[in-house]
Amino acid sequence: MIKPLLYLVTICSMLFMPEVVLAGGLDSGIQATTDFKASGYKWLAVVASGYIIFNIAMAYLGRKGWGDVAMAVLYCAIAGGAVALGIYAWSIWS
């Protein structure tokens, strides 16, 4: 009994979803994407900084080598480069 009801709800939501999604218009979608992108960049910066600080603390305590800290900085630089490449690619098509 539950499966047919679930199918009915799914089909009805798929039929009426475009009106609900497009109710705000294109401008609100662009603004939401921009906000999501900005929060993603902030999250990446916090995580990368935390990763570098963690590796520095581990190297200072003798649990890791300073080469591991250098590799952590390199990994974070690669992640930042990916973000910069994403910004460049975003600017091409917008």
PDB file of N, CA and C in Angstrom:
ATOM      1  N   MET A   1       0.813  -1.201   0.000  1.00  0.00           N
ATOM      2  CA  MET A   1       0.000   0.000   0.000  1.00  0.00           C
ATOM      3  C   MET A   1       0.853   1.260   0.000  1.00  0.00           C
ATOM      4  N   ILE A   2       2.004   1.176   0.647  1.00  0.00           N
ATOM      5  CA  ILE A   2       2.863   2.355   0.743  1.00  0.00           C
ATOM      6  C   ILE A   2       3.536   2.661  -0.603  1.00  0.00           C
ATOM      7  N   LYS A   3       3.942   1.620  -1.328  1.00  0.00           N
ATOM      8  CA  LYS A   3       4.654   1.860  -2.587  1.00  0.00           C
ATOM      9  C   LYS A   3       3.814   2.615  -3.617  1.00  0.00           C
ATOM     10  N   PRO A   4       2.572   2.241  -3.865  1.00  0.00           N
ATOM     11  CA  PRO A   4       1.788   3.025  -4.828  1.00  0.00           C
ATOM     12  C   PRO A   4       1.595   4.471  -4.386  1.00  0.00           C
ATOM     13  N   LEU A   5       1.434   4.681  -3.092  1.00  0.00           N
ATOM     14  CA  LEU A   5       1.289   6.037  -2.583  1.00  0.00           C
ATOM     15  C   LEU A   5       2.587   6.821  -2.779  1.00  0.00           C
ATOM     16  N   LEU A   6       3.708   6.166  -2.539  1.00  0.00           N
ATOM     17  CA  LEU A   6       5.008   6.805  -2.745  1.00  0.00           C
ATOM     18  C   LEU A   6       5.213   7.153  -4.224  1.00  0.00           C
ATOM     19  N   TYR A   7       4.839   6.253  -5.106  1.00  0.00           N
ATOM     20  CA  TYR A   7       4.938   6.529  -6.536  1.00  0.00           C
ATOM     21  C   TYR A   7       4.049   7.704  -6.937  1.00  0.00           C
ATOM     22  N   LEU A   8       2.849   7.755  -6.396  1.00  0.00           N
ATOM     23  CA  LEU A   8       1.928   8.843  -6.703  1.00  0.00           C
ATOM     24  C   LEU A   8       2.489  10.189  -6.230  1.00  0.00           C
ATOM     25  N   VAL A   9       3.029  10.215  -5.028  1.00  0.00           N
ATOM     26  CA  VAL A   9       3.620  11.453  -4.503  1.00  0.00           C
ATOM     27  C   VAL A   9       4.815  11.869  -5.346  1.00  0.00           C
ATOM     28  N   THR A  10       5.629  10.918  -5.732  1.00  0.00           N
ATOM     29  CA  THR A  10       6.797  11.219  -6.562  1.00  0.00           C
ATOM     30  C   THR A  10       6.391  11.787  -7.912  1.00  0.00           C
ATOM     31  N   ILE A  11       5.432  11.172  -8.559  1.00  0.00           N
ATOM     32  CA  ILE A  11       4.989  11.648  -9.874  1.00  0.00           C
ATOM     33  C   ILE A  11       4.360  13.035  -9.765  1.00  0.00           C
ATOM     34  N   CYS A  12       3.532  13.242  -8.758  1.00  0.00           N
ATOM     35  CA  CYS A  12       2.914  14.560  -8.591  1.00  0.00           C
ATOM     36  C   CYS A  12       3.961  15.635  -8.304  1.00  0.00           C
ATOM     37  N   SER A  13       4.955  15.298  -7.492  1.00  0.00           N
ATOM     38  CA  SER A  13       5.987  16.302  -7.202  1.00  0.00           C
ATOM     39  C   SER A  13       6.827  16.593  -8.436  1.00  0.00           C
ATOM     40  N   MET A  14       7.041  15.582  -9.282  1.00  0.00           N
ATOM     41  CA  MET A  14       7.796  15.821 -10.507  1.00  0.00           C
ATOM     42  C   MET A  14       6.987  16.651 -11.504  1.00  0.00           C
ATOM     43  N   LEU A  15       5.690  16.502 -11.498  1.00  0.00           N
ATOM     44  CA  LEU A  15       4.853  17.269 -12.412  1.00  0.00           C
ATOM     45  C   LEU A  15       4.774  18.739 -12.021  1.00  0.00           C
ATOM     46  N   PHE A  16       4.701  19.014 -10.733  1.00  0.00           N
ATOM     47  CA  PHE A  16       4.512  20.380 -10.270  1.00  0.00           C
ATOM     48  C   PHE A  16       5.803  21.050  -9.819  1.00  0.00           C
ATOM     49  N   MET A  17       6.935  20.350  -9.870  1.00  0.00           N
ATOM     50  CA  MET A  17       8.199  20.905  -9.391  1.00  0.00           C
ATOM     51  C   MET A  17       8.690  22.078 -10.241  1.00  0.00           C
ATOM     52  N   PRO A  18       8.591  22.076 -11.561  1.00  0.00           N
ATOM     53  CA  PRO A  18       9.124  23.220 -12.325  1.00  0.00           C
ATOM     54  C   PRO A  18       8.503  24.556 -11.925  1.00  0.00           C
ATOM     55  N   GLU A  19       7.214  24.567 -11.627  1.00  0.00           N
ATOM     56  CA  GLU A  19       6.581  25.821 -11.228  1.00  0.00           C
ATOM     57  C   GLU A  19       7.126  26.306  -9.892  1.00  0.00           C
ATOM     58  N   VAL A  20       7.373  25.369  -8.991  1.00  0.00           N
ATOM     59  CA  VAL A  20       7.884  25.746  -7.671  1.00  0.00           C
ATOM     60  C   VAL A  20       9.327  26.213  -7.778  1.00  0.00           C
ATOM     61  N   VAL A  21      10.125  25.511  -8.546  1.00  0.00           N
ATOM     62  CA  VAL A  21      11.543  25.851  -8.664  1.00  0.00           C
ATOM     63  C   VAL A  21      11.734  27.177  -9.386  1.00  0.00           C
ATOM     64  N   LEU A  22      10.965  27.418 -10.417  1.00  0.00           N
ATOM     65  CA  LEU A  22      11.130  28.627 -11.216  1.00  0.00           C
ATOM     66  C   LEU A  22      10.341  29.815 -10.695  1.00  0.00           C
ATOM     67  N   ALA A  23       9.728  29.682  -9.536  1.00  0.00           N
ATOM     68  CA  ALA A  23       8.901  30.765  -9.009  1.00  0.00           C
ATOM     69  C   ALA A  23       9.722  32.009  -8.711  1.00  0.00           C
ATOM     70  N   GLY A  24      10.986  31.831  -8.301  1.00  0.00           N
ATOM     71  CA  GLY A  24      11.819  32.974  -7.960  1.00  0.00           C
ATOM     72  C   GLY A  24      12.424  33.652  -9.168  1.00  0.00           C
ATOM     73  N   GLY A  25      12.487  32.984 -10.270  1.00  0.00           N
ATOM     74  CA  GLY A  25      13.066  33.560 -11.472  1.00  0.00           C
ATOM     75  C   GLY A  25      14.556  33.272 -11.584  1.00  0.00           C
ATOM     76  N   LEU A  26      15.126  33.720 -12.674  1.00  0.00           N
ATOM     77  CA  LEU A  26      16.530  33.462 -12.947  1.00  0.00           C
ATOM     78  C   LEU A  26      17.449  34.277 -12.045  1.00  0.00           C
ATOM     79  N   ASP A  27      17.059  35.493 -11.708  1.00  0.00           N
ATOM     80  CA  ASP A  27      17.916  36.337 -10.877  1.00  0.00           C
ATOM     81  C   ASP A  27      18.129  35.736  -9.495  1.00  0.00           C
ATOM     82  N   SER A  28      17.099  35.178  -8.910  1.00  0.00           N
ATOM     83  CA  SER A  28      17.271  34.579  -7.589  1.00  0.00           C
ATOM     84  C   SER A  28      18.127  33.321  -7.670  1.00  0.00           C
ATOM     85  N   GLY A  29      18.034  32.596  -8.771  1.00  0.00           N
ATOM     86  CA  GLY A  29      18.891  31.426  -8.962  1.00  0.00           C
ATOM     87  C   GLY A  29      20.348  31.804  -9.109  1.00  0.00           C
ATOM     88  N   ILE A  30      20.604  32.872  -9.850  1.00  0.00           N
ATOM     89  CA  ILE A  30      21.984  33.345 -10.009  1.00  0.00           C
ATOM     90  C   ILE A  30      22.527  33.826  -8.672  1.00  0.00           C
ATOM     91  N   GLN A  31      21.709  34.532  -7.901  1.00  0.00           N
ATOM     92  CA  GLN A  31      22.145  35.014  -6.587  1.00  0.00           C
ATOM     93  C   GLN A  31      22.422  33.848  -5.646  1.00  0.00           C
ATOM     94  N   ALA A  32      21.581  32.823  -5.679  1.00  0.00           N
ATOM     95  CA  ALA A  32      21.789  31.652  -4.823  1.00  0.00           C
ATOM     96  C   ALA A  32      23.071  30.922  -5.205  1.00  0.00           C
ATOM     97  N   THR A  33      23.337  30.813  -6.497  1.00  0.00           N
ATOM     98  CA  THR A  33      24.566  30.172  -6.950  1.00  0.00           C
ATOM     99  C   THR A  33      25.786  30.973  -6.526  1.00  0.00           C
ATOM    100  N   THR A  34      25.713  32.291  -6.623  1.00  0.00           N
ATOM    101  CA  THR A  34      26.821  33.140  -6.208  1.00  0.00           C
ATOM    102  C   THR A  34      27.063  33.019  -4.707  1.00  0.00           C
ATOM    103  N   ASP A  35      26.003  32.992  -3.926  1.00  0.00           N
ATOM    104  CA  ASP A  35      26.150  32.825  -2.477  1.00  0.00           C
ATOM    105  C   ASP A  35      26.754  31.473  -2.131  1.00  0.00           C
ATOM    106  N   PHE A  36      26.297  30.420  -2.815  1.00  0.00           N
ATOM    107  CA  PHE A  36      26.839  29.084  -2.586  1.00  0.00           C
ATOM    108  C   PHE A  36      28.314  29.024  -2.951  1.00  0.00           C
ATOM    109  N   LYS A  37      28.675  29.671  -4.044  1.00  0.00           N
ATOM    110  CA  LYS A  37      30.064  29.694  -4.490  1.00  0.00           C
ATOM    111  C   LYS A  37      30.938  30.417  -3.475  1.00  0.00           C
ATOM    112  N   ALA A  38      30.482  31.548  -2.965  1.00  0.00           N
ATOM    113  CA  ALA A  38      31.258  32.308  -1.986  1.00  0.00           C
ATOM    114  C   ALA A  38      31.427  31.528  -0.684  1.00  0.00           C
ATOM    115  N   SER A  39      30.369  30.865  -0.246  1.00  0.00           N
ATOM    116  CA  SER A  39      30.485  30.084   0.987  1.00  0.00           C
ATOM    117  C   SER A  39      31.390  28.871   0.775  1.00  0.00           C
ATOM    118  N   GLY A  40      31.395  28.312  -0.408  1.00  0.00           N
ATOM    119  CA  GLY A  40      32.304  27.206  -0.717  1.00  0.00           C
ATOM    120  C   GLY A  40      33.759  27.635  -0.678  1.00  0.00           C
ATOM    121  N   TYR A  41      34.045  28.825  -1.181  1.00  0.00           N
ATOM    122  CA  TYR A  41      35.417  29.331  -1.134  1.00  0.00           C
ATOM    123  C   TYR A  41      35.858  29.569   0.302  1.00  0.00           C
ATOM    124  N   LYS A  42      34.968  30.103   1.124  1.00  0.00           N
ATOM    125  CA  LYS A  42      35.303  30.329   2.535  1.00  0.00           C
ATOM    126  C   LYS A  42      35.548  29.011   3.244  1.00  0.00           C
ATOM    127  N   TRP A  43      34.701  28.023   2.967  1.00  0.00           N
ATOM    128  CA  TRP A  43      34.859  26.719   3.578  1.00  0.00           C
ATOM    129  C   TRP A  43      36.186  26.093   3.174  1.00  0.00           C
ATOM    130  N   LEU A  44      36.550  26.203   1.906  1.00  0.00           N
ATOM    131  CA  LEU A  44      37.818  25.665   1.435  1.00  0.00           C
ATOM    132  C   LEU A  44      38.993  26.355   2.116  1.00  0.00           C
ATOM    133  N   ALA A  45      38.931  27.659   2.299  1.00  0.00           N
ATOM    134  CA  ALA A  45      40.011  28.385   2.958  1.00  0.00           C
ATOM    135  C   ALA A  45      40.156  27.958   4.414  1.00  0.00           C
ATOM    136  N   VAL A  46      39.052  27.775   5.105  1.00  0.00           N
ATOM    137  CA  VAL A  46      39.106  27.355   6.504  1.00  0.00           C
ATOM    138  C   VAL A  46      39.676  25.941   6.624  1.00  0.00           C
ATOM    139  N   VAL A  47      39.223  25.044   5.781  1.00  0.00           N
ATOM    140  CA  VAL A  47      39.703  23.663   5.830  1.00  0.00           C
ATOM    141  C   VAL A  47      41.182  23.588   5.466  1.00  0.00           C
ATOM    142  N   ALA A  48      41.596  24.312   4.446  1.00  0.00           N
ATOM    143  CA  ALA A  48      43.000  24.298   4.041  1.00  0.00           C
ATOM    144  C   ALA A  48      43.893  24.887   5.136  1.00  0.00           C
ATOM    145  N   SER A  49      43.457  25.978   5.741  1.00  0.00           N
ATOM    146  CA  SER A  49      44.245  26.573   6.824  1.00  0.00           C
ATOM    147  C   SER A  49      44.326  25.632   8.016  1.00  0.00           C
ATOM    148  N   GLY A  50      43.223  24.998   8.354  1.00  0.00           N
ATOM    149  CA  GLY A  50      43.225  24.033   9.446  1.00  0.00           C
ATOM    150  C   GLY A  50      44.136  22.855   9.168  1.00  0.00           C
ATOM    151  N   TYR A  51      44.162  22.400   7.936  1.00  0.00           N
ATOM    152  CA  TYR A  51      45.023  21.285   7.552  1.00  0.00           C
ATOM    153  C   TYR A  51      46.492  21.669   7.685  1.00  0.00           C
ATOM    154  N   ILE A  52      46.836  22.852   7.259  1.00  0.00           N
ATOM    155  CA  ILE A  52      48.220  23.302   7.375  1.00  0.00           C
ATOM    156  C   ILE A  52      48.605  23.476   8.844  1.00  0.00           C
ATOM    157  N   ILE A  53      47.732  24.088   9.633  1.00  0.00           N
ATOM    158  CA  ILE A  53      48.014  24.281  11.057  1.00  0.00           C
ATOM    159  C   ILE A  53      48.145  22.938  11.773  1.00  0.00           C
ATOM    160  N   PHE A  54      47.289  21.976  11.430  1.00  0.00           N
ATOM    161  CA  PHE A  54      47.379  20.641  12.020  1.00  0.00           C
ATOM    162  C   PHE A  54      48.727  20.003  11.703  1.00  0.00           C
ATOM    163  N   ASN A  55      49.165  20.110  10.451  1.00  0.00           N
ATOM    164  CA  ASN A  55      50.446  19.511  10.077  1.00  0.00           C
ATOM    165  C   ASN A  55      51.613  20.226  10.746  1.00  0.00           C
ATOM    166  N   ILE A  56      51.530  21.538  10.911  1.00  0.00           N
ATOM    167  CA  ILE A  56      52.591  22.259  11.620  1.00  0.00           C
ATOM    168  C   ILE A  56      52.644  21.809  13.074  1.00  0.00           C
ATOM    169  N   ALA A  57      51.480  21.653  13.713  1.00  0.00           N
ATOM    170  CA  ALA A  57      51.452  21.188  15.104  1.00  0.00           C
ATOM    171  C   ALA A  57      52.021  19.779  15.226  1.00  0.00           C
ATOM    172  N   MET A  58      51.675  18.916  14.291  1.00  0.00           N
ATOM    173  CA  MET A  58      52.210  17.549  14.327  1.00  0.00           C
ATOM    174  C   MET A  58      53.722  17.532  14.100  1.00  0.00           C
ATOM    175  N   ALA A  59      54.213  18.396  13.238  1.00  0.00           N
ATOM    176  CA  ALA A  59      55.662  18.463  13.000  1.00  0.00           C
ATOM    177  C   ALA A  59      56.367  19.042  14.223  1.00  0.00           C
ATOM    178  N   TYR A  60      55.757  20.019  14.859  1.00  0.00           N
ATOM    179  CA  TYR A  60      56.347  20.621  16.050  1.00  0.00           C
ATOM    180  C   TYR A  60      56.417  19.606  17.195  1.00  0.00           C
ATOM    181  N   LEU A  61      55.405  18.745  17.303  1.00  0.00           N
ATOM    182  CA  LEU A  61      55.386  17.717  18.340  1.00  0.00           C
ATOM    183  C   LEU A  61      56.208  16.491  17.979  1.00  0.00           C
ATOM    184  N   GLY A  62      56.695  16.430  16.769  1.00  0.00           N
ATOM    185  CA  GLY A  62      57.543  15.327  16.335  1.00  0.00           C
ATOM    186  C   GLY A  62      56.797  14.136  15.784  1.00  0.00           C
ATOM    187  N   ARG A  63      55.528  14.270  15.536  1.00  0.00           N
ATOM    188  CA  ARG A  63      54.746  13.156  15.004  1.00  0.00           C
ATOM    189  C   ARG A  63      54.853  13.054  13.482  1.00  0.00           C
ATOM    190  N   LYS A  64      55.121  14.166  12.845  1.00  0.00           N
ATOM    191  CA  LYS A  64      55.313  14.201  11.392  1.00  0.00           C
ATOM    192  C   LYS A  64      56.576  14.988  11.110  1.00  0.00           C
ATOM    193  N   GLY A  65      57.068  14.843   9.905  1.00  0.00           N
ATOM    194  CA  GLY A  65      58.242  15.597   9.502  1.00  0.00           C
ATOM    195  C   GLY A  65      57.857  16.930   8.877  1.00  0.00           C
ATOM    196  N   TRP A  66      58.859  17.792   8.754  1.00  0.00           N
ATOM    197  CA  TRP A  66      58.601  19.091   8.151  1.00  0.00           C
ATOM    198  C   TRP A  66      58.373  18.959   6.646  1.00  0.00           C
ATOM    199  N   GLY A  67      58.806  17.865   6.074  1.00  0.00           N
ATOM    200  CA  GLY A  67      58.482  17.582   4.676  1.00  0.00           C
ATOM    201  C   GLY A  67      56.991  17.367   4.481  1.00  0.00           C
ATOM    202  N   ASP A  68      56.352  16.772   5.492  1.00  0.00           N
ATOM    203  CA  ASP A  68      54.891  16.606   5.431  1.00  0.00           C
ATOM    204  C   ASP A  68      54.184  17.955   5.470  1.00  0.00           C
ATOM    205  N   VAL A  69      54.755  18.907   6.215  1.00  0.00           N
ATOM    206  CA  VAL A  69      54.175  20.253   6.249  1.00  0.00           C
ATOM    207  C   VAL A  69      54.297  20.892   4.870  1.00  0.00           C
ATOM    208  N   ALA A  70      55.463  20.707   4.242  1.00  0.00           N
ATOM    209  CA  ALA A  70      55.654  21.262   2.896  1.00  0.00           C
ATOM    210  C   ALA A  70      54.658  20.638   1.914  1.00  0.00           C
ATOM    211  N   MET A  71      54.433  19.346   2.040  1.00  0.00           N
ATOM    212  CA  MET A  71      53.458  18.693   1.157  1.00  0.00           C
ATOM    213  C   MET A  71      52.040  19.183   1.440  1.00  0.00           C
ATOM    214  N   ALA A  72      51.725  19.450   2.712  1.00  0.00           N
ATOM    215  CA  ALA A  72      50.405  19.982   3.046  1.00  0.00           C
ATOM    216  C   ALA A  72      50.207  21.357   2.423  1.00  0.00           C
ATOM    217  N   VAL A  73      51.247  22.178   2.469  1.00  0.00           N
ATOM    218  CA  VAL A  73      51.163  23.502   1.839  1.00  0.00           C
ATOM    219  C   VAL A  73      50.992  23.346   0.334  1.00  0.00           C
ATOM    220  N   LEU A  74      51.697  22.401  -0.255  1.00  0.00           N
ATOM    221  CA  LEU A  74      51.574  22.160  -1.692  1.00  0.00           C
ATOM    222  C   LEU A  74      50.161  21.688  -2.049  1.00  0.00           C
ATOM    223  N   TYR A  75      49.603  20.783  -1.247  1.00  0.00           N
ATOM    224  CA  TYR A  75      48.241  20.312  -1.512  1.00  0.00           C
ATOM    225  C   TYR A  75      47.235  21.456  -1.429  1.00  0.00           C
ATOM    226  N   CYS A  76      47.421  22.323  -0.442  1.00  0.00           N
ATOM    227  CA  CYS A  76      46.502  23.450  -0.296  1.00  0.00           C
ATOM    228  C   CYS A  76      46.683  24.450  -1.441  1.00  0.00           C
ATOM    229  N   ALA A  77      47.908  24.598  -1.912  1.00  0.00           N
ATOM    230  CA  ALA A  77      48.138  25.470  -3.066  1.00  0.00           C
ATOM    231  C   ALA A  77      47.461  24.898  -4.314  1.00  0.00           C
ATOM    232  N   ILE A  78      47.487  23.581  -4.461  1.00  0.00           N
ATOM    233  CA  ILE A  78      46.809  22.941  -5.588  1.00  0.00           C
ATOM    234  C   ILE A  78      45.296  23.145  -5.484  1.00  0.00           C
ATOM    235  N   ALA A  79      44.773  23.015  -4.268  1.00  0.00           N
ATOM    236  CA  ALA A  79      43.338  23.244  -4.075  1.00  0.00           C
ATOM    237  C   ALA A  79      42.982  24.695  -4.396  1.00  0.00           C
ATOM    238  N   GLY A  80      43.820  25.630  -3.974  1.00  0.00           N
ATOM    239  CA  GLY A  80      43.590  27.038  -4.298  1.00  0.00           C
ATOM    240  C   GLY A  80      43.697  27.297  -5.793  1.00  0.00           C
ATOM    241  N   GLY A  81      44.628  26.611  -6.446  1.00  0.00           N
ATOM    242  CA  GLY A  81      44.748  26.735  -7.892  1.00  0.00           C
ATOM    243  C   GLY A  81      43.532  26.197  -8.609  1.00  0.00           C
ATOM    244  N   ALA A  82      42.955  25.132  -8.067  1.00  0.00           N
ATOM    245  CA  ALA A  82      41.722  24.594  -8.657  1.00  0.00           C
ATOM    246  C   ALA A  82      40.584  25.598  -8.526  1.00  0.00           C
ATOM    247  N   VAL A  83      40.553  26.293  -7.384  1.00  0.00           N
ATOM    248  CA  VAL A  83      39.529  27.319  -7.201  1.00  0.00           C
ATOM    249  C   VAL A  83      39.749  28.464  -8.185  1.00  0.00           C
ATOM    250  N   ALA A  84      40.995  28.883  -8.339  1.00  0.00           N
ATOM    251  CA  ALA A  84      41.302  29.965  -9.284  1.00  0.00           C
ATOM    252  C   ALA A  84      40.941  29.550 -10.715  1.00  0.00           C
ATOM    253  N   LEU A  85      41.212  28.294 -11.054  1.00  0.00           N
ATOM    254  CA  LEU A  85      40.846  27.792 -12.378  1.00  0.00           C
ATOM    255  C   LEU A  85      39.326  27.752 -12.531  1.00  0.00           C
ATOM    256  N   GLY A  86      38.621  27.394 -11.457  1.00  0.00           N
ATOM    257  CA  GLY A  86      37.163  27.398 -11.499  1.00  0.00           C
ATOM    258  C   GLY A  86      36.601  28.793 -11.695  1.00  0.00           C
ATOM    259  N   ILE A  87      37.193  29.775 -11.025  1.00  0.00           N
ATOM    260  CA  ILE A  87      36.752  31.165 -11.196  1.00  0.00           C
ATOM    261  C   ILE A  87      36.981  31.612 -12.635  1.00  0.00           C
ATOM    262  N   TYR A  88      38.130  31.257 -13.183  1.00  0.00           N
ATOM    263  CA  TYR A  88      38.426  31.624 -14.573  1.00  0.00           C
ATOM    264  C   TYR A  88      37.433  30.955 -15.529  1.00  0.00           C
ATOM    265  N   ALA A  89      37.167  29.673 -15.320  1.00  0.00           N
ATOM    266  CA  ALA A  89      36.223  28.959 -16.190  1.00  0.00           C
ATOM    267  C   ALA A  89      34.823  29.542 -16.026  1.00  0.00           C
ATOM    268  N   TRP A  90      34.472  29.923 -14.810  1.00  0.00           N
ATOM    269  CA  TRP A  90      33.151  30.525 -14.570  1.00  0.00           C
ATOM    270  C   TRP A  90      33.015  31.839 -15.322  1.00  0.00           C
ATOM    271  N   SER A  91      34.115  32.616 -15.370  1.00  0.00           N
ATOM    272  CA  SER A  91      34.053  33.924 -16.040  1.00  0.00           C
ATOM    273  C   SER A  91      33.964  33.771 -17.566  1.00  0.00           C
ATOM    274  N   ILE A  92      34.417  32.673 -18.090  1.00  0.00           N
ATOM    275  CA  ILE A  92      34.347  32.463 -19.534  1.00  0.00           C
ATOM    276  C   ILE A  92      32.902  32.349 -19.994  1.00  0.00           C
ATOM    277  N   TRP A  93      32.092  31.592 -19.233  1.00  0.00           N
ATOM    278  CA  TRP A  93      30.724  31.303 -19.673  1.00  0.00           C
ATOM    279  C   TRP A  93      29.671  32.182 -19.020  1.00  0.00           C
ATOM    280  N   SER A  94      30.091  33.181 -18.274  1.00  0.00           N
ATOM    281  CA  SER A  94      29.051  34.030 -17.654  1.00  0.00           C
ATOM    282  C   SER A  94      29.105  35.438 -18.196  1.00  0.00           C
TER     283      SER A  94
END
